[in-house]
């Protein structure tokens, strides 16, 4: 039997890579969050500022 590579099949039938589809879905969700009202939990979580140093990250007393 002859084998046909997946890339050839995808190209012939116009099927996108799964990674491209996932990236597109992620960007679509992000755009949806940006269009939401400012008081929605998703938007509040997106705008949270996180300090650079977390509690427990001090490793100077280890050892």
N, C-alpha and C. Protein backbone atom coordinates (compact mmCIF):
# COMPACT_ATOMS: atom_id res chain seq x y z
N UNK A 1 0.83 -1.19 0.00
CA UNK A 1 0.00 0.00 0.00
C UNK A 1 0.88 1.25 0.00
N UNK A 2 0.44 2.23 -0.74
CA UNK A 2 1.14 3.50 -0.74
C UNK A 2 0.64 4.34 0.43
N UNK A 3 1.55 5.07 1.04
CA UNK A 3 1.17 5.92 2.16
C UNK A 3 1.20 7.37 1.73
N UNK A 4 0.23 8.12 2.19
CA UNK A 4 0.14 9.54 1.87
C UNK A 4 0.36 10.31 3.17
N UNK A 5 1.25 11.28 3.13
CA UNK A 5 1.56 12.06 4.32
C UNK A 5 0.36 12.91 4.74
N UNK A 6 0.25 13.13 6.05
CA UNK A 6 -0.84 13.95 6.59
C UNK A 6 -0.83 15.35 6.01
N UNK A 7 0.37 15.91 5.81
CA UNK A 7 0.47 17.26 5.25
C UNK A 7 -0.16 17.33 3.87
N UNK A 8 0.03 16.29 3.08
CA UNK A 8 -0.54 16.26 1.73
C UNK A 8 -2.06 16.23 1.79
N UNK A 9 -2.59 15.42 2.69
CA UNK A 9 -4.05 15.32 2.85
C UNK A 9 -4.62 16.65 3.32
N UNK A 10 -3.97 17.26 4.33
CA UNK A 10 -4.45 18.55 4.85
C UNK A 10 -4.47 19.60 3.75
N UNK A 11 -3.41 19.63 2.96
CA UNK A 11 -3.31 20.63 1.90
C UNK A 11 -4.38 20.39 0.83
N UNK A 12 -4.58 19.16 0.47
CA UNK A 12 -5.54 18.82 -0.59
C UNK A 12 -6.98 19.17 -0.19
N UNK A 13 -7.33 18.90 1.06
CA UNK A 13 -8.71 19.14 1.51
C UNK A 13 -8.89 20.46 2.23
N UNK A 14 -7.81 21.21 2.41
CA UNK A 14 -7.91 22.52 3.05
C UNK A 14 -8.20 22.46 4.54
N UNK A 15 -7.64 21.47 5.22
CA UNK A 15 -7.86 21.31 6.65
C UNK A 15 -6.74 22.03 7.40
N UNK A 16 -7.11 22.82 8.41
CA UNK A 16 -6.13 23.58 9.19
C UNK A 16 -5.52 22.69 10.27
N UNK A 17 -4.36 23.08 10.73
CA UNK A 17 -3.71 22.38 11.84
C UNK A 17 -4.50 22.60 13.12
N UNK A 18 -4.47 21.63 14.01
CA UNK A 18 -5.17 21.76 15.28
C UNK A 18 -4.60 22.92 16.09
N UNK A 19 -3.29 23.10 16.06
CA UNK A 19 -2.67 24.19 16.81
C UNK A 19 -3.18 25.54 16.33
N UNK A 20 -3.40 25.68 15.03
CA UNK A 20 -3.95 26.94 14.49
C UNK A 20 -5.38 27.16 14.97
N UNK A 21 -6.15 26.08 15.02
CA UNK A 21 -7.53 26.20 15.48
C UNK A 21 -7.58 26.57 16.96
N UNK A 22 -6.70 25.99 17.77
CA UNK A 22 -6.67 26.32 19.19
C UNK A 22 -6.26 27.77 19.41
N UNK A 23 -5.27 28.22 18.66
CA UNK A 23 -4.81 29.61 18.78
C UNK A 23 -5.94 30.56 18.40
N UNK A 24 -6.65 30.24 17.34
CA UNK A 24 -7.76 31.08 16.89
C UNK A 24 -8.86 31.14 17.95
N UNK A 25 -9.17 30.01 18.57
CA UNK A 25 -10.20 29.97 19.61
C UNK A 25 -9.76 30.79 20.82
N UNK A 26 -8.49 30.71 21.18
CA UNK A 26 -7.98 31.47 22.31
C UNK A 26 -8.08 32.97 22.04
N UNK A 27 -7.73 33.39 20.84
CA UNK A 27 -7.82 34.80 20.48
C UNK A 27 -9.27 35.26 20.44
N UNK A 28 -10.16 34.40 20.00
CA UNK A 28 -11.58 34.74 19.96
C UNK A 28 -12.11 34.95 21.38
N UNK A 29 -11.69 34.09 22.33
CA UNK A 29 -12.12 34.22 23.71
C UNK A 29 -11.57 35.51 24.31
N UNK A 30 -10.31 35.81 24.02
CA UNK A 30 -9.68 37.02 24.55
C UNK A 30 -10.42 38.25 24.06
N UNK A 31 -10.79 38.28 22.81
CA UNK A 31 -11.53 39.40 22.24
C UNK A 31 -12.90 39.52 22.91
N UNK A 32 -13.52 38.40 23.21
CA UNK A 32 -14.81 38.39 23.88
C UNK A 32 -14.70 39.01 25.27
N UNK A 33 -13.61 38.71 25.97
CA UNK A 33 -13.40 39.27 27.31
C UNK A 33 -13.18 40.78 27.22
N UNK A 34 -12.44 41.23 26.22
CA UNK A 34 -12.18 42.66 26.09
C UNK A 34 -13.45 43.45 25.79
N UNK A 35 -14.41 42.84 25.11
CA UNK A 35 -15.65 43.53 24.77
C UNK A 35 -16.65 43.53 25.92
N UNK A 36 -16.38 42.78 26.99
CA UNK A 36 -17.31 42.68 28.11
C UNK A 36 -17.33 43.98 28.93
N UNK A 37 -18.34 44.12 29.77
CA UNK A 37 -18.42 45.27 30.67
C UNK A 37 -17.25 45.24 31.65
N UNK A 38 -16.90 46.42 32.17
CA UNK A 38 -15.74 46.51 33.07
C UNK A 38 -15.97 45.85 34.42
N UNK A 39 -17.20 45.65 34.83
CA UNK A 39 -17.45 45.09 36.16
C UNK A 39 -17.60 43.56 36.15
N UNK A 40 -17.40 42.93 35.03
CA UNK A 40 -17.52 41.48 34.94
C UNK A 40 -16.24 40.84 35.49
N UNK A 41 -16.39 39.73 36.20
CA UNK A 41 -15.28 39.08 36.88
C UNK A 41 -14.14 38.74 35.92
N UNK A 42 -14.46 38.27 34.73
CA UNK A 42 -13.40 37.92 33.77
C UNK A 42 -12.54 39.12 33.45
N UNK A 43 -13.17 40.27 33.26
CA UNK A 43 -12.43 41.48 32.90
C UNK A 43 -11.62 41.98 34.09
N UNK A 44 -12.18 41.88 35.30
CA UNK A 44 -11.45 42.28 36.49
C UNK A 44 -10.21 41.41 36.65
N UNK A 45 -10.35 40.11 36.44
CA UNK A 45 -9.21 39.19 36.55
C UNK A 45 -8.16 39.46 35.49
N UNK A 46 -8.58 39.92 34.34
CA UNK A 46 -7.64 40.21 33.26
C UNK A 46 -6.79 41.43 33.60
N UNK A 47 -7.36 42.37 34.35
CA UNK A 47 -6.66 43.61 34.67
C UNK A 47 -5.96 43.60 36.02
N UNK A 48 -5.95 42.48 36.72
CA UNK A 48 -5.28 42.42 38.02
C UNK A 48 -3.78 42.63 37.86
N UNK A 49 -3.22 43.38 38.77
CA UNK A 49 -1.77 43.54 38.78
C UNK A 49 -1.19 42.55 39.77
N UNK A 50 -0.21 41.79 39.34
CA UNK A 50 0.41 40.77 40.16
C UNK A 50 1.80 41.25 40.55
N UNK A 51 2.11 41.25 41.85
CA UNK A 51 3.45 41.67 42.25
C UNK A 51 4.50 40.70 41.71
N UNK A 52 5.68 41.23 41.45
CA UNK A 52 6.73 40.39 40.86
C UNK A 52 7.21 39.31 41.81
N UNK A 53 7.27 39.61 43.10
CA UNK A 53 7.76 38.64 44.07
C UNK A 53 6.59 38.08 44.86
N UNK A 54 6.48 36.77 44.90
CA UNK A 54 5.41 36.12 45.62
C UNK A 54 5.88 35.73 47.01
N UNK A 55 4.97 35.61 47.97
CA UNK A 55 5.37 35.14 49.30
C UNK A 55 5.94 33.73 49.20
N UNK A 56 7.01 33.47 49.89
CA UNK A 56 7.63 32.15 49.86
C UNK A 56 8.70 32.00 48.81
N UNK A 57 8.92 33.04 48.00
CA UNK A 57 9.96 32.97 46.97
C UNK A 57 11.35 33.28 47.52
N UNK A 58 11.44 33.71 48.77
CA UNK A 58 12.73 34.04 49.36
C UNK A 58 13.46 32.75 49.71
N UNK A 59 14.50 32.43 48.97
CA UNK A 59 15.24 31.19 49.19
C UNK A 59 16.55 31.43 49.92
N UNK A 60 16.74 32.65 50.47
CA UNK A 60 18.01 32.97 51.12
C UNK A 60 18.19 32.21 52.43
N UNK A 61 17.10 31.80 53.08
CA UNK A 61 17.22 31.10 54.35
C UNK A 61 17.16 29.58 54.20
N UNK A 62 17.26 29.07 52.99
CA UNK A 62 17.21 27.63 52.75
C UNK A 62 18.61 27.06 52.86
N UNK A 63 18.72 25.92 53.52
CA UNK A 63 19.99 25.25 53.45
C UNK A 63 20.67 25.07 54.70
